Amino acid sequence: MTVKSLDVVILGAGIAGASLAASLAGDRAVIIVEIEDRPGRHATGRSAAMFAETYGNRTIRALTRASRRFLLSPPLGFVETPLLSPRAALFVCDAARLDSLNREEASAPDVYRRVSGEEARAIVPIMRPDWCAAGLLDSAGFDIDVAALMQGFLKAARREGASVALGARETRIARRAGEWVVSTALGDFAAPILVNATGAWGDETACAAGVAPVGLAPKRRTAMTLAAPEGMDIRSWPLVIDVEEEFYFKPDAGQILLSPANEDPEAPCDAAPDDLDIAIAVDRFERATTHSVRRIKHRWAGLRTFSADRSPVIGFDPNTEGFFWLVGQGGYGIQTAPAAARAAASMILGRPLPDDIAREGVSAKDLAADRAGLRLK
C-alpha cells in the first residue's frame, strides 16, 4: 500500500485536533486521522458549551481569556452565525457554605458581582429561599455554538489544504527512519511529527506508539435535560452553579440542562449516563429549587480527561522525537481551543508562544509534558 507523506499527522478529530489543523495547515502539510465515522463524536459533541473566564485553574482561565477575541470575532468566512451568545453565570450557595463563596469571589474579584439571596432568586425565581443564601454573578459569560465552531475549524483546515481521514480503523503506529507511520484501513500516512489529540485515549495512544504515558485521568460527567417550569420564560437565566460544583443547570433550547457535575473515574470508552448520577443530580436540584422533576427528557455522558495538575498537556514529548501531546483539556477544551491550538502550532513550528497568550501569563513550561507536578510514568 502506498504511504502518503506529510509534515504532521494529527490523531483525533475532536476540537483539539481540528483547531490545531486549522492553525497549522497554512504552514505544513497536515492530515487528521480519526477512527470514528464523524469528527467530534465523543467529548467535543457532549460539552455543556459554556465560555466562562472564571472556570478552571489559572492556566485554563488564561487560555480562555486568550480565546475570547477569536470566538467573538472569528476570521472572515469562518462561520456564518455568531459563535457566542450572552449567558451569565451565577454561583450560588446555602448559608453553610458562604466561606466557599468568599473564596471563589477572591479568585476573580474584578469579574464577580456579589448578590444577595433575594437578588439571586430574582434572577432565577425557582431557587429556594431557605437554600439560596447568596451568589456571585459573572455577567461576562457566553454560550458557545460548538457545532459551528467545530465545523469552522474543519472548513478552515481543509481550505488551507489539510485532509481529514474519518473511519480510519485498524490503526497501527510505528517509528521508521525518522518518521511516524500510521497504518489504517484507509491507507498509510507518514510524517516526522505525530500529534496525539485523542482525548481520553491519550495515554493508550502513547503506549501504542511506544511512548510513556503522562498519567491522564478520564472522568465521566453525566448530563440530562428537563422540562422548563410551566409559565416561565427561562431564556435569559444564567448558568447556575453550586459554589462547590455539586450541580449546575442552564437553559438549553427551551429546556433545562442539568448535571451533577460529577467526576467519576472511567476507562476510555463511549461513556453512558449512570442511573445513580441521574438520581444525585435530581436530588440536589430539587433541594436547591422549587421545581419538581417529573421526567428526564434526554440523558447522556461524556469523558473529561485531566492531567495530574488539571492543566492541558501541550508540547513535544521530552523522551521521544517528533511525538507531540495535545491532551488533558479536562472539559475546558471548547472554550480554550483557539488559544491552545495557536500555542500548539507555535511549538510545532519552533516559534515562541503568541504574544497575546504569553501576556495572559501562560508559558510553554506551564503546558509541557515534563513540567513539575505532571506525573510521567
Protein backbone atom coordinates (compact mmCIF):
# COMPACT_ATOMS: atom_id res chain seq x y z
CA MET A 1 0.00 0.00 0.00
CA THR A 2 1.29 3.48 -0.90
CA VAL A 3 2.39 5.65 2.01
CA LYS A 4 1.20 9.26 1.92
CA SER A 5 3.95 11.57 3.18
CA LEU A 6 3.08 14.70 5.17
CA ASP A 7 4.65 17.08 7.65
CA VAL A 8 2.26 16.39 10.53
CA VAL A 9 -0.19 13.57 11.30
CA ILE A 10 -2.80 14.51 13.91
CA LEU A 11 -4.53 11.63 15.66
CA GLY A 12 -8.05 12.62 16.74
CA ALA A 13 -10.69 14.78 15.04
CA GLY A 14 -12.19 16.35 18.15
CA ILE A 15 -11.98 20.08 18.81
CA ALA A 16 -8.27 19.80 19.73
CA GLY A 17 -7.21 18.10 16.52
CA ALA A 18 -9.48 20.19 14.30
CA SER A 19 -8.36 23.52 15.76
CA LEU A 20 -4.68 22.56 15.52
CA ALA A 21 -5.09 21.51 11.89
CA ALA A 22 -6.67 24.87 11.11
CA SER A 23 -3.75 26.66 12.79
CA LEU A 24 -1.04 24.55 11.12
CA ALA A 25 -2.28 23.81 7.62
CA GLY A 26 -1.14 27.10 6.11
CA ASP A 27 2.46 26.26 7.04
CA ARG A 28 2.64 22.47 6.95
CA ALA A 29 1.09 19.51 5.10
CA VAL A 30 -1.36 18.09 7.62
CA ILE A 31 -3.80 15.20 7.93
CA ILE A 32 -6.22 14.41 10.75
CA VAL A 33 -6.69 10.68 11.28
CA GLU A 34 -9.86 9.65 13.17
CA ILE A 35 -11.15 6.13 13.82
CA GLU A 36 -14.77 7.32 14.21
CA ASP A 37 -17.01 7.98 11.21
CA ARG A 38 -17.63 11.59 12.20
CA PRO A 39 -15.48 14.25 13.89
CA GLY A 40 -16.12 15.32 17.48
CA ARG A 41 -18.16 12.24 18.37
CA HIS A 42 -17.02 11.94 21.98
CA ALA A 43 -16.13 14.76 24.42
CA THR A 44 -16.47 17.56 21.85
CA GLY A 45 -20.05 16.67 20.98
CA ARG A 46 -21.12 16.34 24.62
CA SER A 47 -19.98 19.67 26.02
CA ALA A 48 -22.07 21.97 28.19
CA ALA A 49 -20.99 24.65 25.69
CA MET A 50 -20.12 27.49 28.07
CA PHE A 51 -17.48 30.17 27.84
CA ALA A 52 -16.57 31.43 31.32
CA GLU A 53 -13.30 33.11 32.22
CA THR A 54 -13.84 32.12 35.86
CA TYR A 55 -13.92 28.40 35.03
CA GLY A 56 -10.90 26.19 35.69
CA ASN A 57 -7.44 26.76 37.15
CA ARG A 58 -5.04 29.60 36.41
CA THR A 59 -3.78 28.15 33.12
CA ILE A 60 -7.27 27.31 31.90
CA ARG A 61 -8.52 30.79 32.71
CA ALA A 62 -5.60 32.36 30.87
CA LEU A 63 -6.14 30.24 27.74
CA THR A 64 -9.85 31.10 27.91
CA ARG A 65 -9.12 34.83 28.04
CA ALA A 66 -6.74 34.43 25.10
CA SER A 67 -9.52 32.68 23.13
CA ARG A 68 -12.16 35.36 23.69
CA ARG A 69 -11.27 37.62 20.75
CA PHE A 70 -11.29 34.76 18.23
CA LEU A 71 -14.64 33.45 19.47
CA LEU A 72 -16.23 36.91 19.46
CA SER A 73 -14.76 37.94 16.09
CA PRO A 74 -13.70 34.87 14.10
CA PRO A 75 -11.88 35.34 10.78
CA LEU A 76 -13.97 36.30 7.76
CA GLY A 77 -15.62 33.21 6.29
CA PHE A 78 -15.02 31.05 9.35
CA VAL A 79 -18.72 30.82 10.27
CA GLU A 80 -21.97 32.36 9.08
CA THR A 81 -23.51 32.85 12.53
CA PRO A 82 -22.12 34.14 15.86
CA LEU A 83 -20.14 31.59 17.86
CA LEU A 84 -21.05 33.18 21.20
CA SER A 85 -24.33 34.35 22.69
CA PRO A 86 -24.50 36.02 26.11
CA ARG A 87 -25.04 33.72 29.08
CA ALA A 88 -24.15 34.92 32.57
CA ALA A 89 -23.01 32.52 35.25
CA LEU A 90 -24.39 32.61 38.78
CA PHE A 91 -22.56 30.80 41.58
CA VAL A 92 -24.89 30.07 44.48
CA CYS A 93 -24.68 28.52 47.93
CA ASP A 94 -26.58 27.85 51.11
CA ALA A 95 -25.70 29.56 54.38
CA ALA A 96 -23.38 26.78 55.49
CA ARG A 97 -21.02 27.38 52.57
CA LEU A 98 -20.62 31.13 52.48
CA ASP A 99 -16.90 30.66 53.14
CA SER A 100 -16.63 28.78 49.86
CA LEU A 101 -18.42 31.62 48.09
CA ASN A 102 -16.00 34.11 49.63
CA ARG A 103 -13.01 32.11 48.36
CA GLU A 104 -14.49 31.95 44.87
CA GLU A 105 -15.10 35.68 44.90
CA ALA A 106 -11.48 36.29 45.90
CA SER A 107 -10.29 34.26 42.89
CA ALA A 108 -11.71 36.82 40.43
CA PRO A 109 -12.77 39.97 42.32
CA ASP A 110 -12.82 42.10 39.17
CA VAL A 111 -15.23 39.71 37.43
CA TYR A 112 -17.80 38.78 40.04
CA ARG A 113 -20.63 40.90 41.42
CA ARG A 114 -21.85 39.76 44.83
CA VAL A 115 -25.62 39.35 45.04
CA SER A 116 -27.85 38.61 48.00
CA GLY A 117 -30.03 35.54 48.16
CA GLU A 118 -33.01 37.72 47.32
CA GLU A 119 -31.25 39.13 44.24
CA ALA A 120 -30.22 35.65 43.12
CA ARG A 121 -33.83 34.48 43.42
CA ALA A 122 -35.00 37.47 41.38
CA ILE A 123 -32.64 36.35 38.60
CA VAL A 124 -33.61 32.67 38.88
CA PRO A 125 -37.04 32.51 40.56
CA ILE A 126 -37.00 28.75 41.22
CA MET A 127 -34.16 28.99 43.77
CA ARG A 128 -35.41 28.08 47.27
CA PRO A 129 -35.29 30.92 49.83
CA ASP A 130 -34.11 28.52 52.55
CA TRP A 131 -31.28 27.24 50.37
CA CYS A 132 -30.00 30.18 48.33
CA ALA A 133 -28.19 32.46 50.80
CA ALA A 134 -26.05 34.47 48.37
CA GLY A 135 -24.46 34.37 44.95
CA LEU A 136 -21.75 35.64 42.65
CA LEU A 137 -22.76 36.88 39.21
CA ASP A 138 -20.35 36.71 36.29
CA SER A 139 -22.03 38.66 33.51
CA ALA A 140 -19.20 38.13 31.02
CA GLY A 141 -20.03 34.53 30.07
CA PHE A 142 -21.43 33.08 26.86
CA ASP A 143 -23.00 30.01 25.34
CA ILE A 144 -20.79 28.55 22.60
CA ASP A 145 -22.16 27.16 19.36
CA VAL A 146 -19.93 24.08 19.50
CA ALA A 147 -21.12 22.58 16.23
CA ALA A 148 -20.45 25.81 14.33
CA LEU A 149 -17.02 26.20 15.96
CA MET A 150 -16.07 22.63 15.11
CA GLN A 151 -17.23 22.93 11.51
CA GLY A 152 -15.47 26.27 11.21
CA PHE A 153 -12.14 24.75 12.22
CA LEU A 154 -12.58 21.79 9.87
CA LYS A 155 -13.54 24.07 6.99
CA ALA A 156 -10.57 26.35 7.68
CA ALA A 157 -8.20 23.38 7.85
CA ARG A 158 -9.44 21.95 4.55
CA ARG A 159 -9.31 25.36 2.89
CA GLU A 160 -5.61 25.53 3.78
CA GLY A 161 -5.01 22.08 2.32
CA ALA A 162 -5.41 19.76 5.31
CA SER A 163 -7.03 16.35 4.84
CA VAL A 164 -9.36 14.52 7.22
CA ALA A 165 -9.44 10.70 7.21
CA LEU A 166 -12.57 9.50 9.01
CA GLY A 167 -13.28 5.86 9.81
CA ALA A 168 -9.53 5.11 9.88
CA ARG A 169 -9.86 1.88 11.83
CA GLU A 170 -7.26 -0.82 12.40
CA THR A 171 -4.80 1.90 13.29
CA ARG A 172 -1.20 0.93 14.00
CA ILE A 173 1.66 3.30 14.83
CA ALA A 174 5.34 2.71 14.13
CA ARG A 175 8.53 4.75 14.08
CA ARG A 176 10.62 4.19 10.94
CA ALA A 177 13.63 6.05 9.59
CA GLY A 178 12.90 9.25 11.49
CA GLU A 179 9.19 9.27 10.67
CA TRP A 180 5.97 8.20 12.32
CA VAL A 181 4.00 5.82 10.15
CA VAL A 182 0.29 5.48 10.91
CA SER A 183 -1.23 2.48 9.16
CA THR A 184 -5.01 2.34 8.87
CA ALA A 185 -7.73 0.62 6.88
CA LEU A 186 -7.81 3.75 4.70
CA GLY A 187 -4.08 3.74 3.96
CA ASP A 188 -0.73 4.61 5.49
CA PHE A 189 0.32 8.12 6.49
CA ALA A 190 3.86 9.17 7.42
CA ALA A 191 5.29 12.33 8.93
CA PRO A 192 8.18 13.38 11.16
CA ILE A 193 5.66 14.78 13.69
CA LEU A 194 2.80 12.82 15.24
CA VAL A 195 0.26 14.75 17.32
CA ASN A 196 -1.64 12.86 19.99
CA ALA A 197 -5.02 14.61 20.24
CA THR A 198 -7.01 11.52 21.18
CA GLY A 199 -8.62 12.81 24.37
CA ALA A 200 -9.47 10.11 26.90
CA TRP A 201 -7.44 7.63 24.83
CA GLY A 202 -4.31 9.82 25.03
CA ASP A 203 -2.26 7.50 27.22
CA GLU A 204 -3.39 4.43 25.29
CA THR A 205 -2.34 6.11 22.05
CA ALA A 206 1.05 6.93 23.53
CA CYS A 207 1.59 3.35 24.64
CA ALA A 208 0.65 2.12 21.16
CA ALA A 209 3.40 4.38 19.81
CA GLY A 210 5.92 3.14 22.36
CA VAL A 211 5.79 6.40 24.34
CA ALA A 212 5.48 6.60 28.12
CA PRO A 213 2.05 7.88 29.24
CA VAL A 214 1.64 11.11 31.18
CA GLY A 215 -0.94 9.80 33.64
CA LEU A 216 -4.21 11.06 32.16
CA ALA A 217 -7.40 10.50 34.15
CA PRO A 218 -10.67 10.29 32.16
CA LYS A 219 -13.67 11.15 34.32
CA ARG A 220 -17.31 10.65 33.45
CA ARG A 221 -19.73 13.57 33.60
CA THR A 222 -23.45 12.98 33.22
CA ALA A 223 -26.00 15.48 31.94
CA MET A 224 -29.70 15.49 31.19
CA THR A 225 -32.48 17.79 30.04
CA LEU A 226 -35.71 18.55 31.90
CA ALA A 227 -38.89 20.40 31.03
CA ALA A 228 -38.82 24.07 31.99
CA PRO A 229 -41.22 25.26 34.71
CA GLU A 230 -44.65 25.93 33.25
CA GLY A 231 -45.37 29.56 32.52
CA MET A 232 -41.75 30.70 32.98
CA ASP A 233 -39.56 32.19 30.28
CA ILE A 234 -36.14 30.78 31.15
CA ARG A 235 -34.24 32.03 28.09
CA SER A 236 -32.39 34.79 29.96
CA TRP A 237 -31.50 32.71 33.02
CA PRO A 238 -27.79 32.34 33.71
CA LEU A 239 -25.87 29.14 34.11
CA VAL A 240 -26.46 28.35 37.80
CA ILE A 241 -23.56 26.61 39.53
CA ASP A 242 -23.37 25.35 43.08
CA VAL A 243 -20.31 27.09 44.54
CA GLU A 244 -18.67 23.74 45.33
CA GLU A 245 -19.75 22.45 41.90
CA GLU A 246 -22.09 19.75 43.17
CA PHE A 247 -24.53 20.54 40.37
CA TYR A 248 -25.22 23.07 37.66
CA PHE A 249 -28.13 23.88 35.37
CA LYS A 250 -28.79 26.26 32.47
CA PRO A 251 -31.36 26.97 29.77
CA ASP A 252 -30.92 24.80 26.71
CA ALA A 253 -33.21 25.12 23.68
CA GLY A 254 -36.27 25.80 25.84
CA GLN A 255 -35.43 23.12 28.38
CA ILE A 256 -33.20 22.91 31.44
CA LEU A 257 -29.83 21.19 31.09
CA LEU A 258 -28.84 19.70 34.45
CA SER A 259 -25.68 17.94 35.61
CA PRO A 260 -24.44 16.68 38.98
CA ALA A 261 -21.01 17.97 37.90
CA ASN A 262 -19.62 14.53 38.70
CA GLU A 263 -16.07 13.39 38.02
CA ASP A 264 -16.22 9.61 38.17
CA PRO A 265 -13.06 7.76 37.05
CA GLU A 266 -13.71 5.64 33.98
CA ALA A 267 -11.58 3.85 31.42
CA PRO A 268 -11.64 5.40 27.93
CA CYS A 269 -14.94 4.45 26.30
CA ASP A 270 -18.11 5.72 24.68
CA ALA A 271 -19.42 6.97 28.01
CA ALA A 272 -23.02 6.28 29.04
CA PRO A 273 -25.04 8.02 31.75
CA ASP A 274 -25.27 6.25 35.09
CA ASP A 275 -28.62 5.93 36.89
CA LEU A 276 -27.04 6.93 40.20
CA ASP A 277 -25.62 10.11 38.62
CA ILE A 278 -29.11 10.97 37.38
CA ALA A 279 -30.65 10.41 40.82
CA ILE A 280 -27.98 12.50 42.55
CA ALA A 281 -28.46 15.36 40.11
CA VAL A 282 -32.22 15.38 40.55
CA ASP A 283 -31.93 15.25 44.35
CA ARG A 284 -29.50 18.16 44.51
CA PHE A 285 -31.56 20.18 42.05
CA GLU A 286 -34.81 19.64 43.93
CA ARG A 287 -33.22 20.51 47.26
CA ALA A 288 -31.98 23.82 45.84
CA THR A 289 -35.02 24.76 43.75
CA THR A 290 -38.81 24.63 43.84
CA HIS A 291 -39.01 22.81 40.50
CA SER A 292 -40.03 19.14 40.73
CA VAL A 293 -38.54 16.80 38.17
CA ARG A 294 -41.25 14.55 36.73
CA ARG A 295 -39.42 13.21 33.73
CA ILE A 296 -35.92 13.16 32.26
CA LYS A 297 -36.26 14.09 28.60
CA HIS A 298 -32.78 13.16 27.45
CA ARG A 299 -29.63 11.89 29.17
CA TRP A 300 -26.01 11.47 28.12
CA ALA A 301 -22.46 11.35 29.46
CA GLY A 302 -19.01 12.32 28.30
CA LEU A 303 -15.45 11.90 29.49
CA ARG A 304 -13.49 14.92 30.71
CA THR A 305 -9.82 13.99 30.75
CA PHE A 306 -7.45 15.56 33.27
CA SER A 307 -3.74 15.63 33.85
CA ALA A 308 -2.43 15.44 37.41
CA ASP A 309 -2.42 19.24 37.81
CA ARG A 310 -5.62 19.75 35.77
CA SER A 311 -3.89 21.80 33.06
CA PRO A 312 -3.58 20.70 29.42
CA VAL A 313 -0.52 18.81 28.24
CA ILE A 314 0.71 20.60 25.12
CA GLY A 315 4.20 20.04 23.77
CA PHE A 316 6.75 17.60 22.42
CA ASP A 317 7.45 14.52 24.49
CA PRO A 318 10.82 15.03 26.20
CA ASN A 319 11.97 11.49 25.54
CA THR A 320 10.56 10.67 22.08
CA GLU A 321 11.45 12.59 18.94
CA GLY A 322 8.55 14.00 16.99
CA PHE A 323 5.78 12.91 19.38
CA PHE A 324 3.58 15.86 20.34
CA TRP A 325 0.99 15.87 23.13
CA LEU A 326 -2.29 17.80 22.85
CA VAL A 327 -4.40 16.26 25.61
CA GLY A 328 -5.76 16.80 29.12
CA GLN A 329 -8.19 19.64 28.37
CA GLY A 330 -10.35 18.47 31.28
CA GLY A 331 -13.71 19.64 29.97
CA TYR A 332 -12.45 23.12 29.09
CA GLY A 333 -11.34 22.19 25.58
CA ILE A 334 -14.06 24.08 23.71
CA GLN A 335 -13.54 27.46 25.36
CA THR A 336 -9.73 27.21 25.22
CA ALA A 337 -9.43 25.69 21.72
CA PRO A 338 -8.46 28.83 19.77
CA ALA A 339 -5.59 29.74 22.09
CA ALA A 340 -4.50 26.16 22.79
CA ALA A 341 -4.31 25.44 19.06
CA ARG A 342 -2.23 28.53 18.36
CA ALA A 343 0.09 27.66 21.24
CA ALA A 344 0.49 24.11 19.93
CA ALA A 345 1.07 25.28 16.37
CA SER A 346 3.76 27.71 17.54
CA MET A 347 5.58 24.93 19.38
CA ILE A 348 5.42 22.60 16.38
CA LEU A 349 6.73 25.37 14.11
CA GLY A 350 9.55 26.16 16.54
CA ARG A 351 8.24 29.62 17.36
CA PRO A 352 7.62 31.40 20.69
CA LEU A 353 4.10 31.37 22.06
CA PRO A 354 1.94 34.11 20.51
CA ASP A 355 2.34 37.39 22.37
CA ASP A 356 -1.30 37.63 23.45
CA ILE A 357 -1.13 34.18 25.08
CA ALA A 358 2.14 34.99 26.81
CA ARG A 359 0.66 38.26 28.10
CA GLU A 360 -2.07 36.27 29.81
CA GLY A 361 0.65 34.56 31.85
CA VAL A 362 0.96 31.24 30.00
CA SER A 363 4.39 29.84 29.20
CA ALA A 364 5.43 26.72 27.30
CA LYS A 365 6.66 25.32 30.63
CA ASP A 366 3.12 25.58 32.05
CA LEU A 367 1.92 23.21 29.32
CA ALA A 368 4.96 20.97 28.82
CA ALA A 369 4.82 17.20 29.11
CA ASP A 370 7.72 17.21 31.60
CA ARG A 371 6.57 20.10 33.77
CA ALA A 372 6.74 19.96 37.54
CA GLY A 373 3.67 18.33 39.05
CA LEU A 374 2.85 16.30 35.97
CA ARG A 375 3.34 12.63 36.69
CA LEU A 376 5.26 10.90 33.94
CA LYS A 377 5.10 7.13 34.23
